[in-house]
Amino acid sequence: MKKHASFLEICKKSQEELKQFVIDELSNSYSGVVVGDGYVLAKGDFPVLLTAHLDTVHENLPSQFIYDKKLGAVSSPEGIGGDDRCGVYMILEIIKKYKCSVIFFEDEELGEIGAKKFVKTKDAENLSYNYILELDRKNSNDAVFYGCKNQSFIDFITKKFFKFNTGTASDISIIAPFFNCGAVNLSCGYYNMHTTEEYVLLKDMDKSLKAVLKILKRTTSKDKFTY
């Protein structure tokens, strides 16, 4: 569990505390971090946007964690909040190797509120990305594209590890059509979402993280996808 101590610390934070935490973390390696009503934006030099959300559905923060050593699973009686603390953790790990642009949204669970606020601001103007990776999906290797039907992008993402799946809505449902940019929501290793029985398989989260890094490693300037 020592390897994932930073993940557990993220799980302990309220949305407000986590927002300040990601501001501080991004400010260590990005200049001009933008803090808005409902979002935190950092502009990187790698032409991919990473996104996750800062809220969970749980009313109470985890006060204790239960670790199943046999399964490699971690949970909490209050609900661990893997949706989407897994995504936040993964992004903070990814940007240690690839300085992608990053946006963290607030209140996704209430109806993508942060994303809807963001696209109405001047901060959202004149931004361009080769594609968008959202880290906010249950299970081990799902790739959910929602309204994005760019088959070249789907093939690019599902080339090796991730498998096509379907879903209802998330923050990329708002920002991908706004930017006219290919976007996908990828699994983060959490299960039983939106219940206090939610748990995170740490090995699945790590496998997904490694798979995302491999996608970024093989990305070239030609890999630019529209919505």
Protein backbone atom coordinates (compact mmCIF):
# COMPACT_ATOMS: atom_id res chain seq x y z
CA MET A 1 0.00 0.00 0.00
CA LYS A 2 3.00 2.33 0.38
CA LYS A 3 3.11 2.70 -3.40
CA HIS A 4 -0.45 4.03 -3.39
CA ALA A 5 -0.26 6.22 -0.27
CA SER A 6 -0.74 9.35 -2.37
CA PHE A 7 -3.90 7.85 -3.86
CA LEU A 8 -5.37 7.28 -0.40
CA GLU A 9 -4.52 10.84 0.59
CA ILE A 10 -6.47 12.07 -2.46
CA CYS A 11 -9.43 9.92 -1.41
CA LYS A 12 -9.51 11.59 2.03
CA LYS A 13 -9.99 15.10 0.65
CA SER A 14 -13.25 16.97 0.10
CA GLN A 15 -13.84 18.49 -3.33
CA GLU A 16 -12.74 21.90 -2.04
CA GLU A 17 -9.58 20.47 -0.48
CA LEU A 18 -8.81 18.45 -3.58
CA LYS A 19 -9.23 21.49 -5.81
CA GLN A 20 -6.61 23.36 -3.80
CA PHE A 21 -4.39 20.28 -3.79
CA VAL A 22 -4.39 19.95 -7.59
CA ILE A 23 -3.80 23.71 -7.94
CA ASP A 24 -0.69 23.34 -5.78
CA GLU A 25 0.48 20.22 -7.62
CA LEU A 26 0.01 21.71 -11.07
CA SER A 27 1.67 24.97 -10.04
CA ASN A 28 4.86 23.03 -9.33
CA SER A 29 5.36 22.22 -13.02
CA TYR A 30 3.00 24.46 -15.01
CA SER A 31 3.08 28.21 -15.39
CA GLY A 32 -0.16 30.13 -15.41
CA VAL A 33 -2.53 27.62 -13.84
CA VAL A 34 -6.06 28.95 -14.40
CA VAL A 35 -8.54 28.59 -11.55
CA GLY A 36 -12.18 29.13 -12.44
CA ASP A 37 -15.65 28.54 -11.08
CA GLY A 38 -15.98 24.80 -11.50
CA TYR A 39 -12.57 23.97 -12.98
CA VAL A 40 -8.78 24.11 -12.82
CA LEU A 41 -6.91 24.37 -16.13
CA ALA A 42 -3.19 23.95 -16.83
CA LYS A 43 -1.79 24.36 -20.34
CA GLY A 44 1.00 21.93 -21.22
CA ASP A 45 3.28 21.50 -24.22
CA PHE A 46 2.14 17.98 -25.14
CA PRO A 47 -0.90 18.34 -27.45
CA VAL A 48 -3.26 16.08 -25.48
CA LEU A 49 -5.81 17.14 -22.87
CA LEU A 50 -6.28 15.01 -19.74
CA THR A 51 -9.41 15.42 -17.64
CA ALA A 52 -11.02 14.04 -14.49
CA HIS A 53 -13.47 15.35 -11.90
CA LEU A 54 -12.95 16.34 -8.29
CA ASP A 55 -16.27 15.37 -6.71
CA THR A 56 -17.78 12.04 -5.65
CA VAL A 57 -21.34 10.96 -4.92
CA HIS A 58 -20.57 10.06 -1.30
CA GLU A 59 -21.89 12.27 1.49
CA ASN A 60 -19.07 11.43 3.89
CA LEU A 61 -15.32 11.32 3.38
CA PRO A 62 -13.53 8.02 4.06
CA SER A 63 -12.39 7.81 7.66
CA GLN A 64 -10.86 4.36 7.28
CA PHE A 65 -9.72 2.08 4.50
CA ILE A 66 -10.11 -1.66 4.14
CA TYR A 67 -7.41 -3.45 2.19
CA ASP A 68 -8.03 -6.93 0.79
CA LYS A 69 -4.49 -8.16 0.28
CA LYS A 70 -5.58 -11.24 -1.67
CA LEU A 71 -7.53 -9.22 -4.24
CA GLY A 72 -5.39 -6.11 -4.05
CA ALA A 73 -8.59 -4.15 -3.44
CA VAL A 74 -9.11 -1.07 -1.27
CA SER A 75 -12.49 0.21 -0.07
CA SER A 76 -14.07 2.26 2.72
CA PRO A 77 -17.31 1.92 4.73
CA GLU A 78 -18.19 5.50 3.72
CA GLY A 79 -17.43 4.85 0.04
CA ILE A 80 -13.87 5.26 -1.22
CA GLY A 81 -14.68 7.66 -4.05
CA GLY A 82 -12.65 5.90 -6.71
CA ASP A 83 -15.03 7.64 -9.10
CA ASP A 84 -13.14 9.80 -9.74
CA ARG A 85 -10.23 10.00 -7.32
CA CYS A 86 -8.62 7.24 -9.40
CA GLY A 87 -8.64 9.59 -12.39
CA VAL A 88 -7.14 12.46 -10.41
CA TYR A 89 -4.36 10.23 -9.09
CA MET A 90 -3.61 8.84 -12.56
CA ILE A 91 -3.37 12.28 -14.15
CA LEU A 92 -0.96 13.51 -11.49
CA GLU A 93 1.20 10.46 -12.24
CA ILE A 94 0.97 10.87 -16.03
CA ILE A 95 2.13 14.50 -16.05
CA LYS A 96 5.37 13.46 -14.37
CA LYS A 97 6.31 11.97 -17.77
CA TYR A 98 4.18 13.86 -20.29
CA LYS A 99 3.33 17.51 -19.82
CA CYS A 100 -0.15 17.27 -21.26
CA SER A 101 -2.71 20.00 -20.76
CA VAL A 102 -4.96 19.20 -17.81
CA ILE A 103 -8.42 20.23 -16.71
CA PHE A 104 -10.07 19.11 -13.49
CA PHE A 105 -13.81 19.71 -13.20
CA GLU A 106 -16.06 20.15 -10.19
CA ASP A 107 -19.55 18.70 -9.74
CA GLU A 108 -19.55 16.18 -12.58
CA GLU A 109 -21.80 13.94 -10.51
CA LEU A 110 -24.44 16.68 -10.38
CA GLY A 111 -24.70 16.83 -14.17
CA GLU A 112 -21.33 17.92 -15.60
CA ILE A 113 -21.78 21.34 -13.98
CA GLY A 114 -18.11 22.34 -14.02
CA ALA A 115 -17.72 21.41 -17.69
CA LYS A 116 -20.86 23.31 -18.63
CA LYS A 117 -19.57 26.40 -16.84
CA PHE A 118 -16.15 26.09 -18.45
CA VAL A 119 -17.29 26.08 -22.09
CA LYS A 120 -19.05 29.41 -21.48
CA THR A 121 -15.86 31.15 -20.34
CA LYS A 122 -13.07 32.96 -22.20
CA ASP A 123 -10.67 30.36 -20.76
CA ALA A 124 -12.18 27.82 -23.16
CA GLU A 125 -11.57 29.95 -26.25
CA ASN A 126 -8.79 29.27 -28.76
CA LEU A 127 -7.73 25.97 -27.22
CA SER A 128 -6.75 23.09 -29.48
CA TYR A 129 -5.78 19.48 -28.74
CA ASN A 130 -4.91 16.40 -30.78
CA TYR A 131 -7.34 14.42 -28.63
CA ILE A 132 -8.79 14.25 -25.12
CA LEU A 133 -8.34 11.47 -22.56
CA GLU A 134 -10.82 11.39 -19.72
CA LEU A 135 -9.97 9.13 -16.79
CA ASP A 136 -13.37 8.56 -15.24
CA ARG A 137 -14.60 5.10 -16.17
CA LYS A 138 -15.27 1.99 -14.10
CA ASN A 139 -13.79 -1.46 -14.79
CA SER A 140 -10.35 -2.42 -16.08
CA ASN A 141 -10.04 -1.58 -19.79
CA ASP A 142 -13.16 0.16 -21.10
CA ALA A 143 -12.95 2.88 -23.73
CA VAL A 144 -16.16 4.90 -23.99
CA PHE A 145 -16.56 7.45 -26.78
CA TYR A 146 -20.15 8.69 -26.28
CA GLY A 147 -21.05 10.82 -29.31
CA CYS A 148 -17.59 10.67 -30.89
CA LYS A 149 -17.85 8.42 -33.94
CA ASN A 150 -14.42 9.07 -35.45
CA GLN A 151 -13.45 5.50 -36.33
CA SER A 152 -9.81 6.40 -36.84
CA PHE A 153 -9.68 7.70 -33.27
CA ILE A 154 -11.54 4.66 -31.92
CA ASP A 155 -9.03 2.40 -33.66
CA PHE A 156 -6.13 4.47 -32.35
CA ILE A 157 -7.28 4.13 -28.72
CA THR A 158 -8.36 0.46 -28.89
CA LYS A 159 -5.25 -0.72 -30.75
CA LYS A 160 -3.96 -2.82 -27.84
CA PHE A 161 -5.23 -2.63 -24.24
CA PHE A 162 -8.54 -0.75 -24.16
CA LYS A 163 -11.77 -2.20 -25.56
CA PHE A 164 -14.75 -0.32 -27.00
CA ASN A 165 -17.70 0.06 -24.61
CA THR A 166 -20.70 2.34 -24.22
CA GLY A 167 -21.86 4.81 -21.58
CA THR A 168 -24.35 7.59 -20.96
CA ALA A 169 -22.59 10.90 -20.29
CA SER A 170 -19.55 12.51 -18.67
CA ASP A 171 -17.56 15.74 -18.87
CA ILE A 172 -16.20 14.93 -22.35
CA SER A 173 -19.79 14.79 -23.58
CA ILE A 174 -19.70 18.58 -23.07
CA ILE A 175 -16.17 19.59 -23.99
CA ALA A 176 -15.42 17.24 -26.92
CA PRO A 177 -18.08 18.63 -29.27
CA PHE A 178 -17.24 22.16 -28.09
CA PHE A 179 -13.59 21.68 -29.16
CA ASN A 180 -14.52 19.42 -32.10
CA CYS A 181 -11.92 17.05 -30.70
CA GLY A 182 -11.76 13.27 -30.47
CA ALA A 183 -12.30 12.18 -26.87
CA VAL A 184 -12.55 8.98 -24.88
CA ASN A 185 -13.30 8.00 -21.29
CA LEU A 186 -10.94 5.26 -20.05
CA SER A 187 -11.21 2.79 -17.18
CA CYS A 188 -9.55 3.61 -13.87
CA GLY A 189 -9.96 0.35 -11.96
CA TYR A 190 -12.91 1.17 -9.71
CA TYR A 191 -16.01 -1.01 -9.31
CA ASN A 192 -19.51 -0.80 -7.77
CA MET A 193 -19.59 2.91 -8.54
CA HIS A 194 -22.01 5.19 -6.70
CA THR A 195 -22.38 2.78 -3.77
CA THR A 196 -20.64 2.45 -0.41
CA GLU A 197 -19.53 -1.00 -1.65
CA GLU A 198 -17.32 0.73 -4.21
CA TYR A 199 -13.77 -0.61 -4.33
CA VAL A 200 -10.60 -0.01 -6.31
CA LEU A 201 -8.45 -2.80 -7.71
CA LEU A 202 -5.05 -1.18 -7.47
CA LYS A 203 -3.51 -3.48 -10.08
CA ASP A 204 -6.23 -2.53 -12.57
CA MET A 205 -5.68 1.16 -11.90
CA ASP A 206 -1.94 0.65 -12.44
CA LYS A 207 -2.49 -1.34 -15.65
CA SER A 208 -4.72 1.38 -17.04
CA LEU A 209 -2.14 4.01 -16.10
CA LYS A 210 0.58 2.10 -17.94
CA ALA A 211 -1.67 1.67 -20.98
CA VAL A 212 -2.34 5.42 -21.12
CA LEU A 213 1.39 6.12 -20.96
CA LYS A 214 1.91 3.77 -23.89
CA ILE A 215 -0.75 5.62 -25.91
CA LEU A 216 1.00 8.91 -25.22
CA LYS A 217 4.39 7.40 -26.08
CA ARG A 218 3.22 6.38 -29.56
CA THR A 219 1.39 9.66 -30.23
CA THR A 220 2.90 11.75 -33.02
CA SER A 221 2.03 15.18 -34.42
CA LYS A 222 -0.03 13.40 -37.11
CA ASP A 223 -2.32 11.84 -34.51
CA LYS A 224 -4.85 14.66 -34.46
CA PHE A 225 -8.51 13.63 -34.33
CA THR A 226 -11.72 15.58 -34.76
CA TYR A 227 -14.95 14.79 -32.94
